[in-house]
Amino acid sequence: MDEERFASLKELESRLGYQFKRIEWLDQALTHKSFIHQTNTPLKESNEVLEFLGDAVLNLAVSHLLWKAFPEAQEGVLSLRRAHLVKRSSLAHLSKEIRLEGHLLLGKSELVDGGRKKSSILANAYEALIGAIYMDSGYDQTLKILQHQLEPYLQAEIPSFLLNDYKSLLQEQAQRTDAGSPKYQVLQEEGPDHNKRFQASVSVRGEVKGIGWGKSKKEAEQQAAKSALEAMSTKSQGPNYK
């Protein structure tokens, strides 16, 4: 690592309020795959694996913080809050708060294409950063850093347009994990014309994730998306911390 890169990473450390024991973790977290492909550096790795790890750590840590902040809240409310906090646009915003974009290593084509401003790249880099801190110091230190940065947002009101828009939240979740767009299907309808009920399902990567009922097709799809988010929340829950 040259002196200029080292100085750049130390500057970021000061904004994070955390000093890495192995600064190589931070360097890797900020290295996009396009840079590796362009430079063909065999000893340098991209941030993809750290991003994968950071996604899991982030979901657990945010769940932990929300549970502590809202101990009496129902699971559905906590799931909604978590989905809002970890969606792509939120992570990109957190990335910009610590000016992460200026420290990213990108390939020339990605730079020309405005990679430093892409929400997907910024969100992925933030996840990789969380993965890097976890690898460097473990869960407790990662939780402390996240709590400091997320504190202003944990108690914030969920935007009213998102309160019942489970489809948008599921779309964000699917995009964040590169699972593609959720697919909705009306399974059945019952009742007379003036009082019909519809049943819809939602699938991600060809697997049914949720089923819901509603008085319209749109309402049934929203309920299916809500069911999917709750199922995904239950599946990714970690241990209880008190």
Protein backbone atom coordinates (compact mmCIF):
# COMPACT_ATOMS: atom_id res chain seq x y z
CA MET A 1 0.00 0.00 0.00
CA ASP A 2 1.49 3.33 -1.02
CA GLU A 3 1.70 6.37 1.26
CA GLU A 4 -1.10 8.26 -0.47
CA ARG A 5 -3.54 5.36 -0.07
CA PHE A 6 -2.50 4.85 3.54
CA ALA A 7 -3.06 8.54 4.33
CA SER A 8 -6.48 8.40 2.64
CA LEU A 9 -7.55 5.44 4.77
CA LYS A 10 -6.28 7.05 7.98
CA GLU A 11 -8.39 10.10 7.16
CA LEU A 12 -11.46 7.88 6.85
CA GLU A 13 -10.61 6.17 10.14
CA SER A 14 -10.69 9.52 11.92
CA ARG A 15 -14.19 10.22 10.57
CA LEU A 16 -15.34 6.76 11.61
CA GLY A 17 -13.91 7.15 15.08
CA TYR A 18 -12.34 3.73 14.75
CA GLN A 19 -8.75 2.67 14.11
CA PHE A 20 -8.26 -0.66 12.37
CA LYS A 21 -5.80 -3.16 13.80
CA ARG A 22 -5.28 -4.37 10.23
CA ILE A 23 -5.90 -1.48 7.87
CA GLU A 24 -5.91 -3.97 5.00
CA TRP A 25 -9.49 -4.83 5.94
CA LEU A 26 -10.52 -1.23 5.31
CA ASP A 27 -8.61 -1.15 2.03
CA GLN A 28 -10.38 -4.29 0.84
CA ALA A 29 -13.80 -2.97 1.89
CA LEU A 30 -13.31 -0.01 -0.44
CA THR A 31 -11.98 -1.98 -3.42
CA HIS A 32 -14.62 -2.52 -6.11
CA LYS A 33 -14.41 -5.55 -8.38
CA SER A 34 -13.98 -3.28 -11.43
CA PHE A 35 -10.64 -2.10 -9.99
CA ILE A 36 -9.44 -5.69 -9.58
CA HIS A 37 -10.47 -6.60 -13.12
CA GLN A 38 -8.71 -3.55 -14.55
CA THR A 39 -5.46 -3.80 -12.61
CA ASN A 40 -5.28 -7.61 -12.55
CA THR A 41 -3.68 -7.53 -9.11
CA PRO A 42 -3.50 -11.15 -7.91
CA LEU A 43 -2.81 -10.36 -4.24
CA LYS A 44 -5.64 -7.82 -3.88
CA GLU A 45 -9.26 -8.85 -3.28
CA SER A 46 -12.47 -6.97 -4.02
CA ASN A 47 -15.02 -6.11 -1.35
CA GLU A 48 -17.63 -8.68 -2.44
CA VAL A 49 -17.02 -11.22 0.35
CA LEU A 50 -16.89 -8.49 3.00
CA GLU A 51 -20.13 -7.11 1.56
CA PHE A 52 -21.75 -10.54 1.98
CA LEU A 53 -20.57 -10.73 5.58
CA GLY A 54 -21.47 -7.12 6.32
CA ASP A 55 -25.02 -7.64 5.09
CA ALA A 56 -25.56 -10.37 7.70
CA VAL A 57 -23.86 -8.41 10.51
CA LEU A 58 -25.80 -5.25 9.61
CA ASN A 59 -29.16 -7.03 9.75
CA LEU A 60 -28.35 -8.56 13.13
CA ALA A 61 -26.99 -5.32 14.59
CA VAL A 62 -29.91 -3.20 13.37
CA SER A 63 -32.35 -5.81 14.72
CA HIS A 64 -30.51 -5.66 18.05
CA LEU A 65 -30.59 -1.85 18.19
CA LEU A 66 -34.26 -1.65 17.24
CA TRP A 67 -35.22 -4.28 19.80
CA LYS A 68 -33.41 -2.27 22.48
CA ALA A 69 -35.04 0.98 21.31
CA PHE A 70 -38.56 -0.47 21.03
CA PRO A 71 -38.77 -3.41 23.48
CA GLU A 72 -42.58 -3.49 23.36
CA ALA A 73 -42.95 -3.19 19.58
CA GLN A 74 -44.52 -5.96 17.53
CA GLU A 75 -42.37 -7.92 15.11
CA GLY A 76 -44.09 -6.40 12.07
CA VAL A 77 -43.24 -2.86 13.20
CA LEU A 78 -39.63 -3.81 13.91
CA SER A 79 -39.38 -5.51 10.51
CA LEU A 80 -40.71 -2.40 8.81
CA ARG A 81 -38.26 -0.15 10.63
CA ARG A 82 -35.34 -2.43 9.88
CA ALA A 83 -36.26 -2.71 6.20
CA HIS A 84 -36.33 1.09 6.02
CA LEU A 85 -32.93 1.44 7.72
CA VAL A 86 -31.09 -1.17 5.66
CA LYS A 87 -32.58 -0.46 2.24
CA ARG A 88 -30.17 0.57 -0.50
CA SER A 89 -30.92 4.29 -0.45
CA SER A 90 -30.49 4.43 3.35
CA LEU A 91 -27.13 2.66 3.23
CA ALA A 92 -25.99 4.94 0.41
CA HIS A 93 -26.94 7.91 2.59
CA LEU A 94 -24.94 6.53 5.53
CA SER A 95 -22.02 6.01 3.16
CA LYS A 96 -22.19 9.64 2.07
CA GLU A 97 -22.32 10.83 5.68
CA ILE A 98 -18.80 9.52 6.24
CA ARG A 99 -17.72 10.54 2.70
CA LEU A 100 -16.90 6.96 1.77
CA GLU A 101 -17.12 7.67 -1.96
CA GLY A 102 -13.84 9.58 -2.02
CA HIS A 103 -11.93 6.53 -0.81
CA LEU A 104 -13.33 3.93 -3.22
CA LEU A 105 -11.03 2.17 -5.67
CA LEU A 106 -12.94 1.83 -8.94
CA GLY A 107 -11.99 0.77 -12.44
CA LYS A 108 -11.72 3.48 -15.11
CA SER A 109 -14.94 2.45 -16.85
CA GLU A 110 -16.85 2.57 -13.56
CA LEU A 111 -15.36 5.97 -12.75
CA VAL A 112 -16.40 7.33 -16.15
CA ASP A 113 -19.88 5.88 -15.56
CA GLY A 114 -20.24 7.88 -12.34
CA GLY A 115 -19.56 4.97 -10.01
CA ARG A 116 -18.80 7.17 -7.01
CA LYS A 117 -22.40 8.43 -7.08
CA LYS A 118 -24.17 5.11 -7.70
CA SER A 119 -26.39 4.12 -4.79
CA SER A 120 -25.70 0.43 -5.40
CA ILE A 121 -21.92 0.85 -5.17
CA LEU A 122 -22.15 3.12 -2.11
CA ALA A 123 -24.56 0.78 -0.30
CA ASN A 124 -22.43 -2.27 -1.08
CA ALA A 125 -19.29 -0.48 0.10
CA TYR A 126 -21.01 0.43 3.37
CA GLU A 127 -21.94 -3.21 3.93
CA ALA A 128 -18.34 -4.19 3.16
CA LEU A 129 -17.12 -1.60 5.67
CA ILE A 130 -19.31 -3.16 8.35
CA GLY A 131 -17.94 -6.57 7.40
CA ALA A 132 -14.39 -5.21 7.66
CA ILE A 133 -14.95 -3.78 11.14
CA TYR A 134 -16.48 -7.08 12.22
CA MET A 135 -13.48 -9.03 10.94
CA ASP A 136 -11.09 -6.59 12.61
CA SER A 137 -12.73 -6.30 16.04
CA GLY A 138 -15.83 -8.50 16.30
CA TYR A 139 -19.52 -7.87 16.89
CA ASP A 140 -19.47 -5.63 19.97
CA GLN A 141 -17.23 -3.00 18.37
CA THR A 142 -19.25 -3.11 15.15
CA LEU A 143 -22.47 -2.62 17.12
CA LYS A 144 -20.97 0.37 18.94
CA ILE A 145 -20.01 2.09 15.67
CA LEU A 146 -23.40 1.40 14.10
CA GLN A 147 -25.22 2.65 17.18
CA HIS A 148 -23.29 5.92 17.00
CA GLN A 149 -24.11 6.49 13.33
CA LEU A 150 -27.68 5.21 13.43
CA GLU A 151 -28.70 6.97 16.65
CA PRO A 152 -30.42 9.90 14.87
CA TYR A 153 -32.46 7.49 12.72
CA LEU A 154 -33.50 4.75 15.16
CA GLN A 155 -36.29 6.81 16.73
CA ALA A 156 -37.20 8.68 13.55
CA GLU A 157 -40.70 8.38 12.15
CA ILE A 158 -41.07 6.00 9.25
CA PRO A 159 -42.11 8.04 6.18
CA SER A 160 -45.89 7.85 5.90
CA PHE A 161 -45.77 6.70 2.28
CA LEU A 162 -43.85 3.61 3.41
CA LEU A 163 -46.14 2.61 6.26
CA ASN A 164 -48.30 0.42 4.04
CA ASP A 165 -46.02 0.16 1.01
CA TYR A 166 -44.61 -3.28 1.66
CA LYS A 167 -44.03 -3.85 -2.06
CA SER A 168 -41.49 -1.02 -2.22
CA LEU A 169 -39.69 -2.31 0.86
CA LEU A 170 -39.57 -5.85 -0.52
CA GLN A 171 -38.29 -4.49 -3.84
CA GLU A 172 -35.49 -2.65 -2.00
CA GLN A 173 -34.61 -5.77 -0.03
CA ALA A 174 -34.48 -7.91 -3.17
CA GLN A 175 -32.36 -5.38 -5.05
CA ARG A 176 -29.96 -5.06 -2.12
CA THR A 177 -29.29 -8.80 -2.25
CA ASP A 178 -29.23 -8.92 -6.07
CA ALA A 179 -32.23 -11.26 -6.02
CA GLY A 180 -33.99 -9.50 -8.89
CA SER A 181 -37.49 -8.04 -8.83
CA PRO A 182 -40.23 -9.83 -6.86
CA LYS A 183 -42.91 -11.43 -9.05
CA TYR A 184 -46.58 -11.20 -8.07
CA GLN A 185 -49.37 -13.54 -9.11
CA VAL A 186 -53.09 -13.48 -8.35
CA LEU A 187 -53.89 -17.02 -7.23
CA GLN A 188 -57.65 -16.83 -6.82
CA GLU A 189 -60.64 -14.60 -6.27
CA GLU A 190 -63.83 -15.34 -4.40
CA GLY A 191 -67.13 -13.72 -3.49
CA PRO A 192 -69.73 -11.70 -5.43
CA ASP A 193 -68.74 -8.78 -7.64
CA HIS A 194 -69.63 -6.20 -4.98
CA ASN A 195 -67.58 -7.96 -2.28
CA LYS A 196 -64.71 -9.81 -3.92
CA ARG A 197 -61.57 -11.03 -2.15
CA PHE A 198 -58.32 -11.76 -3.94
CA GLN A 199 -55.40 -13.98 -3.00
CA ALA A 200 -51.93 -13.15 -4.33
CA SER A 201 -48.46 -14.60 -3.95
CA VAL A 202 -45.01 -13.06 -4.31
CA SER A 203 -41.96 -14.97 -5.48
CA VAL A 204 -38.27 -14.09 -5.34
CA ARG A 205 -35.90 -16.08 -7.53
CA GLY A 206 -38.76 -18.40 -8.39
CA GLU A 207 -39.57 -19.27 -4.76
CA VAL A 208 -42.86 -18.21 -3.16
CA LYS A 209 -42.01 -15.97 -0.20
CA GLY A 210 -45.44 -14.73 0.86
CA ILE A 211 -49.19 -15.04 0.29
CA GLY A 212 -51.84 -12.46 1.14
CA TRP A 213 -55.53 -11.63 0.83
CA GLY A 214 -57.16 -8.31 0.01
CA LYS A 215 -60.30 -6.63 -1.29
CA SER A 216 -58.40 -5.70 -4.45
CA LYS A 217 -55.53 -7.23 -6.38
CA LYS A 218 -53.22 -4.42 -5.22
CA GLU A 219 -54.14 -4.92 -1.57
CA ALA A 220 -53.57 -8.67 -1.88
CA GLU A 221 -50.12 -8.03 -3.39
CA GLN A 222 -49.26 -5.63 -0.55
CA GLN A 223 -50.28 -8.25 2.01
CA ALA A 224 -48.22 -10.88 0.20
CA ALA A 225 -45.20 -8.56 0.31
CA LYS A 226 -45.80 -7.93 4.03
CA SER A 227 -45.94 -11.68 4.64
CA ALA A 228 -42.67 -12.13 2.72
CA LEU A 229 -40.89 -9.41 4.72
CA GLU A 230 -42.04 -10.93 8.01
CA ALA A 231 -40.91 -14.40 6.91
CA MET A 232 -37.51 -13.05 5.84
CA SER A 233 -37.22 -11.21 9.17
CA THR A 234 -37.92 -14.38 11.16
CA LYS A 235 -35.42 -16.35 9.07
CA SER A 236 -32.61 -13.85 9.62
CA GLN A 237 -33.18 -13.26 13.34
CA GLY A 238 -30.21 -13.76 15.57
CA PRO A 239 -30.08 -14.46 19.30
CA ASN A 240 -31.80 -12.22 21.82
CA TYR A 241 -29.60 -9.68 23.63
CA LYS A 242 -30.74 -7.99 26.80
